[in-house]
Each structure stands twice: as structure tokens, then as C-alpha cells.
Amino acid sequence: MKLNVHNLSTQEKKKKKDPRVPVAAERRGGACHHRQEEEERKKAPLKLMLARSQRLQGRDEIKQILRKGGIVRRRYLSLRCLKNNLPFSRFGFVVSAKVSPKASARNLLKRRSREIIRKNLPSIEKGYDFLFIFSPPAAAIGFSELEQELSAVLWEKFSL
């Protein structure tokens, strides 16, 4: 006996799948594919940033480092540091508009610097506030050269 769709109750109609949506979704991976990606991301969270506790926040902290901190100058940047009496170090990055008029170039320089610091965090001296101030030639350097420069300035200051 063949059932007519018009005779089915509303609940039975809801149970019956609409063939147009799932078939198309299955062909290209569909919603199931996206759910799997989200679950994988939740399982292994990526740490792509410095923790909030490891970042300098506010003008007052930066001004204090500028007034009282020691300085090491290199070609592409200057490092100011000050003892902070905390069990961890904090970092700040200053890239003025003199370095590049484009915000995207300044932000790229800061993102690269943060990543280099994040990767090398275990080997960096604890209990200090570090302020990296970039000079105009820094806009033209690549990632590997920036990594060498940051390592050199930290090595010069602390002989790491």
C-alpha cells in the first residue's frame, strides 16, 4: 500500500527528510564537516597570543619603564627593561607612525614580535618588564631578521 504524503500527520512529515538539503550538504561535506572542525578546535586550543598577564597594559606602566628602565639600543629597535618583582615577565611593543604610515605594516611588526617572544618565553629572564621600541628601518626587515634582532638585544641585556 502506497502512502500519500497528504495523509501523513504533521509529526510524520517532520520526520520525513527533505531530500534537497541533506543530499547537497553531503556532497560538499555539509554541516557535519563544520561541526567536526569546531570539536577539533575545542579539543586542542591554540595559544597564539601572549597571556594578558604577560602584556604591559596602560600608559602608566609604559611611562614608568621609559623613566626608570635600562636601555639597550640596536639598529632596528631599542629595548627598555625594568625589574617588576613579579614571578613572570611582561612585554610591550611600540611602533610609531614614523616606522610606517600604514597601520597594517605596524601591526605586522608587532604581531611578528609577539610571536617571537611567545616562542622563546621559557628562555627569557623572569621578573622584568620589557618594552620594545621600533625604529623606522624595522619596517623593511623580514621575520628571520627580526627574530635575530630580538634575540640579540635580549642576549646583550641578559646574556641569555
N, C-alpha and C. Protein backbone atom coordinates (compact mmCIF):
# COMPACT_ATOMS: atom_id res chain seq x y z
N MET A 1 0.84 -1.18 0.00
CA MET A 1 0.00 0.00 0.00
C MET A 1 0.89 1.24 0.00
N LYS A 2 0.61 2.13 -0.90
CA LYS A 2 1.39 3.35 -1.05
C LYS A 2 0.73 4.47 -0.26
N LEU A 3 1.56 5.16 0.58
CA LEU A 3 1.02 6.26 1.39
C LEU A 3 1.11 7.56 0.62
N ASN A 4 0.09 8.32 0.76
CA ASN A 4 0.08 9.65 0.16
C ASN A 4 0.64 10.63 1.20
N VAL A 5 1.48 11.54 0.79
CA VAL A 5 2.10 12.50 1.71
C VAL A 5 1.05 13.37 2.37
N HIS A 6 -0.05 13.63 1.70
CA HIS A 6 -1.08 14.50 2.24
C HIS A 6 -1.81 13.85 3.42
N ASN A 7 -1.76 12.54 3.52
CA ASN A 7 -2.45 11.83 4.60
C ASN A 7 -1.59 11.68 5.86
N LEU A 8 -0.32 12.00 5.79
CA LEU A 8 0.56 11.85 6.95
C LEU A 8 0.29 12.94 7.98
N SER A 9 0.46 12.61 9.22
CA SER A 9 0.31 13.62 10.26
C SER A 9 1.49 14.59 10.19
N THR A 10 1.41 15.71 10.87
CA THR A 10 2.47 16.72 10.83
C THR A 10 3.77 16.20 11.43
N GLN A 11 3.68 15.38 12.47
CA GLN A 11 4.89 14.82 13.07
C GLN A 11 5.59 13.88 12.11
N GLU A 12 4.83 13.09 11.40
CA GLU A 12 5.42 12.19 10.43
C GLU A 12 6.04 12.95 9.28
N LYS A 13 5.44 14.09 8.91
CA LYS A 13 6.00 14.92 7.84
C LYS A 13 7.36 15.49 8.28
N LYS A 14 7.45 15.88 9.57
CA LYS A 14 8.71 16.42 10.08
C LYS A 14 9.80 15.36 10.09
N LYS A 15 9.40 14.11 10.38
CA LYS A 15 10.36 13.02 10.39
C LYS A 15 10.89 12.72 9.00
N LYS A 16 10.03 12.90 8.00
CA LYS A 16 10.44 12.63 6.63
C LYS A 16 11.41 13.73 6.20
N LYS A 17 12.54 13.31 5.67
CA LYS A 17 13.58 14.27 5.31
C LYS A 17 13.28 14.92 3.97
N ASP A 18 13.68 16.17 3.89
CA ASP A 18 13.62 16.87 2.62
C ASP A 18 14.86 16.47 1.83
N PRO A 19 14.72 15.80 0.73
CA PRO A 19 15.88 15.25 0.02
C PRO A 19 16.79 16.32 -0.57
N ARG A 20 16.31 17.53 -0.78
CA ARG A 20 17.13 18.54 -1.44
C ARG A 20 18.29 19.01 -0.57
N VAL A 21 18.07 19.30 0.70
CA VAL A 21 19.10 19.89 1.55
C VAL A 21 20.18 18.89 1.97
N PRO A 22 19.84 17.74 2.57
CA PRO A 22 20.90 16.84 3.02
C PRO A 22 21.78 16.29 1.90
N VAL A 23 21.19 15.99 0.74
CA VAL A 23 21.98 15.42 -0.35
C VAL A 23 23.03 16.42 -0.80
N ALA A 24 22.64 17.66 -0.96
CA ALA A 24 23.59 18.68 -1.39
C ALA A 24 24.65 18.91 -0.32
N ALA A 25 24.24 18.90 0.94
CA ALA A 25 25.19 19.11 2.04
C ALA A 25 26.17 17.96 2.13
N GLU A 26 25.68 16.74 1.89
CA GLU A 26 26.56 15.57 1.95
C GLU A 26 27.60 15.61 0.85
N ARG A 27 27.23 16.10 -0.31
CA ARG A 27 28.16 16.13 -1.44
C ARG A 27 29.38 17.00 -1.15
N ARG A 28 29.18 18.13 -0.50
CA ARG A 28 30.31 19.03 -0.26
C ARG A 28 30.82 19.01 1.18
N GLY A 29 30.42 18.05 1.94
CA GLY A 29 30.91 17.96 3.32
C GLY A 29 29.88 18.40 4.32
N GLY A 30 29.11 19.38 3.98
CA GLY A 30 27.97 19.82 4.76
C GLY A 30 28.26 20.29 6.17
N ALA A 31 27.18 20.38 6.92
CA ALA A 31 27.25 20.89 8.29
C ALA A 31 28.03 19.95 9.20
N CYS A 32 28.00 18.66 8.90
CA CYS A 32 28.74 17.70 9.73
C CYS A 32 30.23 18.01 9.71
N HIS A 33 30.72 18.39 8.56
CA HIS A 33 32.15 18.70 8.40
C HIS A 33 32.54 19.87 9.30
N HIS A 34 31.69 20.90 9.34
CA HIS A 34 31.99 22.08 10.16
C HIS A 34 31.95 21.76 11.64
N ARG A 35 31.03 20.91 12.04
CA ARG A 35 30.94 20.53 13.45
C ARG A 35 32.19 19.77 13.89
N GLN A 36 32.70 18.92 13.02
CA GLN A 36 33.92 18.18 13.34
C GLN A 36 35.10 19.13 13.52
N GLU A 37 35.21 20.13 12.66
CA GLU A 37 36.30 21.10 12.78
C GLU A 37 36.20 21.87 14.09
N GLU A 38 34.99 22.28 14.47
CA GLU A 38 34.80 23.01 15.72
C GLU A 38 35.18 22.16 16.92
N GLU A 39 34.79 20.89 16.90
CA GLU A 39 35.13 19.99 18.00
C GLU A 39 36.63 19.79 18.11
N GLU A 40 37.32 19.69 16.97
CA GLU A 40 38.77 19.54 16.99
C GLU A 40 39.44 20.79 17.55
N ARG A 41 38.91 21.96 17.20
CA ARG A 41 39.48 23.21 17.72
C ARG A 41 39.30 23.31 19.23
N LYS A 42 38.16 22.84 19.73
CA LYS A 42 37.91 22.90 21.16
C LYS A 42 38.81 21.93 21.93
N LYS A 43 39.13 20.80 21.31
CA LYS A 43 39.97 19.81 21.97
C LYS A 43 41.39 20.33 22.17
N ALA A 44 41.96 20.97 21.17
CA ALA A 44 43.34 21.43 21.24
C ALA A 44 43.39 22.93 20.99
N PRO A 45 43.17 23.73 22.03
CA PRO A 45 43.18 25.18 21.83
C PRO A 45 44.58 25.68 21.48
N LEU A 46 44.65 26.56 20.52
CA LEU A 46 45.92 27.13 20.10
C LEU A 46 46.23 28.34 20.96
N LYS A 47 47.47 28.46 21.37
CA LYS A 47 47.90 29.62 22.14
C LYS A 47 48.70 30.50 21.20
N LEU A 48 48.02 31.43 20.57
CA LEU A 48 48.66 32.27 19.59
C LEU A 48 49.00 33.66 20.12
N MET A 49 48.64 33.93 21.34
CA MET A 49 48.91 35.25 21.90
C MET A 49 49.63 35.10 23.23
N LEU A 50 50.26 36.19 23.61
CA LEU A 50 50.79 36.25 24.96
C LEU A 50 49.61 36.37 25.91
N ALA A 51 49.72 35.74 27.06
CA ALA A 51 48.65 35.84 28.05
C ALA A 51 48.50 37.28 28.51
N ARG A 52 47.34 37.64 28.94
CA ARG A 52 47.08 39.02 29.38
C ARG A 52 48.06 39.42 30.49
N SER A 53 48.37 38.49 31.36
CA SER A 53 49.29 38.79 32.46
C SER A 53 50.70 39.07 31.94
N GLN A 54 51.02 38.64 30.72
CA GLN A 54 52.35 38.83 30.17
C GLN A 54 52.44 40.06 29.27
N ARG A 55 51.40 40.86 29.25
CA ARG A 55 51.39 42.07 28.41
C ARG A 55 51.37 43.32 29.28
N LEU A 56 52.12 44.32 28.87
CA LEU A 56 52.05 45.62 29.55
C LEU A 56 50.73 46.27 29.16
N GLN A 57 50.07 46.87 30.14
CA GLN A 57 48.79 47.47 29.85
C GLN A 57 48.74 48.86 30.45
N GLY A 58 48.44 49.80 29.62
CA GLY A 58 48.25 51.16 30.09
C GLY A 58 49.48 52.03 29.94
N ARG A 59 49.22 53.30 29.79
CA ARG A 59 50.29 54.28 29.59
C ARG A 59 51.16 54.44 30.84
N ASP A 60 50.56 54.27 32.00
CA ASP A 60 51.32 54.46 33.24
C ASP A 60 52.48 53.47 33.34
N GLU A 61 52.22 52.21 33.01
CA GLU A 61 53.29 51.21 33.06
C GLU A 61 54.39 51.53 32.04
N ILE A 62 53.99 51.95 30.85
CA ILE A 62 54.97 52.28 29.81
C ILE A 62 55.78 53.50 30.21
N LYS A 63 55.12 54.52 30.75
CA LYS A 63 55.84 55.73 31.19
C LYS A 63 56.83 55.42 32.30
N GLN A 64 56.45 54.54 33.21
CA GLN A 64 57.36 54.16 34.29
C GLN A 64 58.61 53.48 33.74
N ILE A 65 58.44 52.59 32.76
CA ILE A 65 59.59 51.91 32.16
C ILE A 65 60.46 52.91 31.41
N LEU A 66 59.84 53.85 30.71
CA LEU A 66 60.61 54.87 29.98
C LEU A 66 61.41 55.75 30.93
N ARG A 67 60.86 56.07 32.11
CA ARG A 67 61.55 56.92 33.08
C ARG A 67 62.67 56.19 33.81
N LYS A 68 62.38 54.97 34.28
CA LYS A 68 63.31 54.30 35.19
C LYS A 68 64.08 53.13 34.59
N GLY A 69 63.65 52.65 33.44
CA GLY A 69 64.23 51.42 32.89
C GLY A 69 65.58 51.61 32.22
N GLY A 70 66.35 50.51 32.20
CA GLY A 70 67.61 50.49 31.47
C GLY A 70 67.33 50.37 29.98
N ILE A 71 68.34 50.71 29.17
CA ILE A 71 68.12 50.72 27.74
C ILE A 71 69.26 50.01 27.00
N VAL A 72 68.89 49.30 25.95
CA VAL A 72 69.83 48.71 25.01
C VAL A 72 69.37 49.12 23.63
N ARG A 73 70.27 49.75 22.85
CA ARG A 73 69.90 50.21 21.51
C ARG A 73 70.54 49.32 20.45
N ARG A 74 69.76 49.02 19.44
CA ARG A 74 70.24 48.29 18.27
C ARG A 74 69.78 49.06 17.03
N ARG A 75 70.10 48.53 15.87
CA ARG A 75 69.78 49.24 14.62
C ARG A 75 68.27 49.37 14.42
N TYR A 76 67.53 48.29 14.66
CA TYR A 76 66.11 48.27 14.35
C TYR A 76 65.20 48.55 15.55
N LEU A 77 65.73 48.44 16.74
CA LEU A 77 64.87 48.64 17.92
C LEU A 77 65.69 49.00 19.14
N SER A 78 64.99 49.49 20.13
CA SER A 78 65.57 49.75 21.45
C SER A 78 64.78 48.91 22.45
N LEU A 79 65.47 48.40 23.44
CA LEU A 79 64.83 47.63 24.49
C LEU A 79 64.96 48.39 25.79
N ARG A 80 63.84 48.65 26.41
CA ARG A 80 63.81 49.22 27.74
C ARG A 80 63.33 48.14 28.68
N CYS A 81 63.98 47.97 29.82
CA CYS A 81 63.52 46.96 30.76
C CYS A 81 63.64 47.47 32.19
N LEU A 82 62.78 46.95 33.02
CA LEU A 82 62.70 47.37 34.41
C LEU A 82 62.26 46.16 35.24
N LYS A 83 62.89 45.97 36.39
CA LYS A 83 62.51 44.86 37.28
C LYS A 83 61.09 45.12 37.79
N ASN A 84 60.25 44.07 37.80
CA ASN A 84 58.85 44.27 38.20
C ASN A 84 58.45 43.52 39.46
N ASN A 85 59.36 42.72 40.05
CA ASN A 85 59.08 41.96 41.28
C ASN A 85 57.86 41.04 41.16
N LEU A 86 57.63 40.50 39.97
CA LEU A 86 56.58 39.53 39.74
C LEU A 86 57.23 38.21 39.33
N PRO A 87 56.53 37.10 39.47
CA PRO A 87 57.13 35.81 39.09
C PRO A 87 57.12 35.56 37.58
N PHE A 88 56.75 36.54 36.79
CA PHE A 88 56.73 36.41 35.34
C PHE A 88 57.14 37.74 34.72
N SER A 89 57.46 37.71 33.45
CA SER A 89 57.84 38.92 32.73
C SER A 89 56.67 39.43 31.92
N ARG A 90 56.67 40.74 31.66
CA ARG A 90 55.64 41.35 30.83
C ARG A 90 56.30 42.06 29.67
N PHE A 91 55.57 42.17 28.56
CA PHE A 91 56.14 42.70 27.33
C PHE A 91 55.22 43.75 26.72
N GLY A 92 55.84 44.76 26.12
CA GLY A 92 55.11 45.78 25.39
C GLY A 92 55.85 46.10 24.11
N PHE A 93 55.12 46.50 23.09
CA PHE A 93 55.72 46.80 21.79
C PHE A 93 55.20 48.14 21.31
N VAL A 94 56.14 49.03 20.95
CA VAL A 94 55.77 50.36 20.48
C VAL A 94 56.29 50.52 19.06
N VAL A 95 55.36 50.78 18.14
CA VAL A 95 55.72 51.02 16.74
C VAL A 95 55.02 52.31 16.34
N SER A 96 55.77 53.38 16.20
CA SER A 96 55.16 54.67 15.90
C SER A 96 54.86 54.81 14.41
N ALA A 97 54.13 55.84 14.07
CA ALA A 97 53.79 56.11 12.67
C ALA A 97 55.03 56.52 11.87
N LYS A 98 56.11 56.86 12.54
CA LYS A 98 57.36 57.16 11.83
C LYS A 98 57.95 55.90 11.19
N VAL A 99 57.67 54.75 11.79
CA VAL A 99 58.16 53.48 11.25
C VAL A 99 57.49 53.21 9.91
N SER A 100 56.17 53.35 9.87
CA SER A 100 55.41 53.18 8.64
C SER A 100 54.11 53.95 8.76
N PRO A 101 53.71 54.65 7.72
CA PRO A 101 52.42 55.35 7.80
C PRO A 101 51.23 54.40 7.75
N LYS A 102 51.48 53.16 7.32
CA LYS A 102 50.39 52.18 7.20
C LYS A 102 50.24 51.39 8.50
N ALA A 103 49.03 51.38 9.03
CA ALA A 103 48.76 50.64 10.27
C ALA A 103 48.99 49.14 10.08
N SER A 104 48.72 48.65 8.88
CA SER A 104 48.89 47.21 8.64
C SER A 104 50.36 46.80 8.77
N ALA A 105 51.28 47.65 8.32
CA ALA A 105 52.71 47.35 8.45
C ALA A 105 53.16 47.42 9.91
N ARG A 106 52.63 48.39 10.65
CA ARG A 106 52.97 48.50 12.07
C ARG A 106 52.43 47.30 12.85
N ASN A 107 51.20 46.91 12.55
CA ASN A 107 50.60 45.77 13.23
C ASN A 107 51.32 44.47 12.89
N LEU A 108 51.78 44.33 11.66
CA LEU A 108 52.53 43.14 11.26
C LEU A 108 53.81 43.03 12.08
N LEU A 109 54.50 44.14 12.25
CA LEU A 109 55.73 44.15 13.03
C LEU A 109 55.47 43.75 14.48
N LYS A 110 54.38 44.23 15.05
CA LYS A 110 54.04 43.88 16.42
C LYS A 110 53.63 42.41 16.54
N ARG A 111 52.84 41.92 15.58
CA ARG A 111 52.42 40.52 15.62
C ARG A 111 53.62 39.58 15.52
N ARG A 112 54.54 39.90 14.61
CA ARG A 112 55.74 39.07 14.47
C ARG A 112 56.56 39.07 15.75
N SER A 113 56.70 40.23 16.34
CA SER A 113 57.50 40.35 17.57
C SER A 113 56.86 39.57 18.71
N ARG A 114 55.56 39.66 18.84
CA ARG A 114 54.86 38.91 19.89
C ARG A 114 55.04 37.41 19.71
N GLU A 115 54.98 36.95 18.46
CA GLU A 115 55.14 35.53 18.19
C GLU A 115 56.55 35.06 18.55
N ILE A 116 57.54 35.85 18.22
CA ILE A 116 58.93 35.50 18.55
C ILE A 116 59.10 35.42 20.06
N ILE A 117 58.56 36.38 20.78
CA ILE A 117 58.65 36.39 22.24
C ILE A 117 57.90 35.20 22.81
N ARG A 118 56.70 34.92 22.29
CA ARG A 118 55.90 33.80 22.79
C ARG A 118 56.64 32.47 22.64
N LYS A 119 57.29 32.29 21.50
CA LYS A 119 58.03 31.04 21.26
C LYS A 119 59.23 30.90 22.19
N ASN A 120 59.88 32.01 22.51
CA ASN A 120 61.10 31.98 23.31
C ASN A 120 60.86 32.32 24.77
N LEU A 121 59.62 32.34 25.20
CA LEU A 121 59.27 32.74 26.56
C LEU A 121 59.99 31.95 27.65
N PRO A 122 60.14 30.62 27.54
CA PRO A 122 60.82 29.89 28.62
C PRO A 122 62.27 30.31 28.84
N SER A 123 62.93 30.79 27.80
CA SER A 123 64.34 31.15 27.94
C SER A 123 64.55 32.62 28.32
N ILE A 124 63.48 33.38 28.45
CA ILE A 124 63.60 34.81 28.77
C ILE A 124 63.55 34.99 30.28
N GLU A 125 64.40 35.87 30.76
CA GLU A 125 64.51 36.17 32.20
C GLU A 125 63.16 36.55 32.78
N LYS A 126 62.82 36.01 33.93
CA LYS A 126 61.54 36.28 34.61
C LYS A 126 61.71 37.46 35.56
N GLY A 127 60.59 38.15 35.82
CA GLY A 127 60.59 39.24 36.78
C GLY A 127 60.96 40.60 36.20
N TYR A 128 60.79 40.78 34.89
CA TYR A 128 61.11 42.05 34.25
C TYR A 128 59.96 42.51 33.37
N ASP A 129 59.88 43.82 33.19
CA ASP A 129 59.00 44.41 32.19
C ASP A 129 59.88 44.81 31.01
N PHE A 130 59.51 44.35 29.82
CA PHE A 130 60.28 44.66 28.62
C PHE A 130 59.44 45.54 27.71
N LEU A 131 60.03 46.60 27.19
CA LEU A 131 59.36 47.48 26.24
C LEU A 131 60.24 47.58 25.00
N PHE A 132 59.75 47.07 23.88
CA PHE A 132 60.47 47.11 22.62
C PHE A 132 59.96 48.30 21.83
N ILE A 133 60.87 49.20 21.47
CA ILE A 133 60.52 50.40 20.71
C ILE A 133 61.23 50.30 19.35
N PHE A 134 60.44 50.24 18.30
CA PHE A 134 61.00 50.01 16.97
C PHE A 134 61.34 51.32 16.27
N SER A 135 62.44 51.30 15.49
CA SER A 135 62.87 52.46 14.72
C SER A 135 62.44 52.28 13.26
N PRO A 136 62.45 53.35 12.46
CA PRO A 136 61.94 53.29 11.09
C PRO A 136 62.53 52.19 10.19
N PRO A 137 63.82 51.84 10.26
CA PRO A 137 64.30 50.78 9.37
C PRO A 137 63.66 49.40 9.64
N ALA A 138 63.01 49.23 10.77
CA ALA A 138 62.43 47.93 11.13
C ALA A 138 61.29 47.52 10.21
N ALA A 139 60.67 48.49 9.53
CA ALA A 139 59.54 48.18 8.65
C ALA A 139 59.96 47.32 7.46
N ALA A 140 61.24 47.36 7.10
CA ALA A 140 61.70 46.67 5.90
C ALA A 140 62.26 45.27 6.16
N ILE A 141 62.39 44.86 7.42
CA ILE A 141 63.04 43.58 7.69
C ILE A 141 62.02 42.44 7.71
N GLY A 142 62.52 41.23 7.46
CA GLY A 142 61.68 40.05 7.45
C GLY A 142 61.62 39.39 8.82
N PHE A 143 60.88 38.29 8.88
CA PHE A 143 60.66 37.60 10.15
C PHE A 143 61.96 37.07 10.74
N SER A 144 62.78 36.41 9.93
CA SER A 144 64.00 35.80 10.46
C SER A 144 64.99 36.85 10.95
N GLU A 145 65.08 37.96 10.23
CA GLU A 145 65.97 39.03 10.66
C GLU A 145 65.47 39.68 11.95
N LEU A 146 64.15 39.83 12.06
CA LEU A 146 63.57 40.38 13.28
C LEU A 146 63.81 39.44 14.46
N GLU A 147 63.70 38.14 14.20
CA GLU A 147 63.96 37.15 15.25
C GLU A 147 65.40 37.24 15.74
N GLN A 148 66.34 37.40 14.82
CA GLN A 148 67.75 37.54 15.20
C GLN A 148 67.97 38.82 15.99
N GLU A 149 67.32 39.88 15.59
CA GLU A 149 67.49 41.17 16.26
C GLU A 149 66.94 41.12 17.69
N LEU A 150 65.77 40.54 17.86
CA LEU A 150 65.19 40.43 19.21
C LEU A 150 66.05 39.54 20.10
N SER A 151 66.54 38.44 19.55
CA SER A 151 67.41 37.55 20.33
C SER A 151 68.70 38.27 20.72
N ALA A 152 69.25 39.03 19.78
CA ALA A 152 70.49 39.74 20.05
C ALA A 152 70.32 40.79 21.14
N VAL A 153 69.21 41.52 21.10
CA VAL A 153 69.01 42.58 22.09
C VAL A 153 68.76 41.97 23.47
N LEU A 154 68.05 40.85 23.53
CA LEU A 154 67.85 40.19 24.82
C LEU A 154 69.15 39.56 25.33
N TRP A 155 69.92 39.00 24.41
CA TRP A 155 71.21 38.40 24.76
C TRP A 155 72.16 39.45 25.31
N GLU A 156 72.17 40.61 24.65
CA GLU A 156 73.04 41.72 25.09
C GLU A 156 72.68 42.21 26.48
N LYS A 157 71.39 42.23 26.77
CA LYS A 157 70.95 42.74 28.07
C LYS A 157 71.18 41.72 29.19
N PHE A 158 70.88 40.46 28.92
CA PHE A 158 70.91 39.47 30.00
C PHE A 158 71.89 38.33 29.78
N SER A 159 72.58 38.32 28.66
CA SER A 159 73.49 37.22 28.32
C SER A 159 72.78 35.88 28.45
N LEU A 160 71.64 35.77 27.75
CA LEU A 160 70.81 34.56 27.82
C LEU A 160 71.48 33.41 27.09
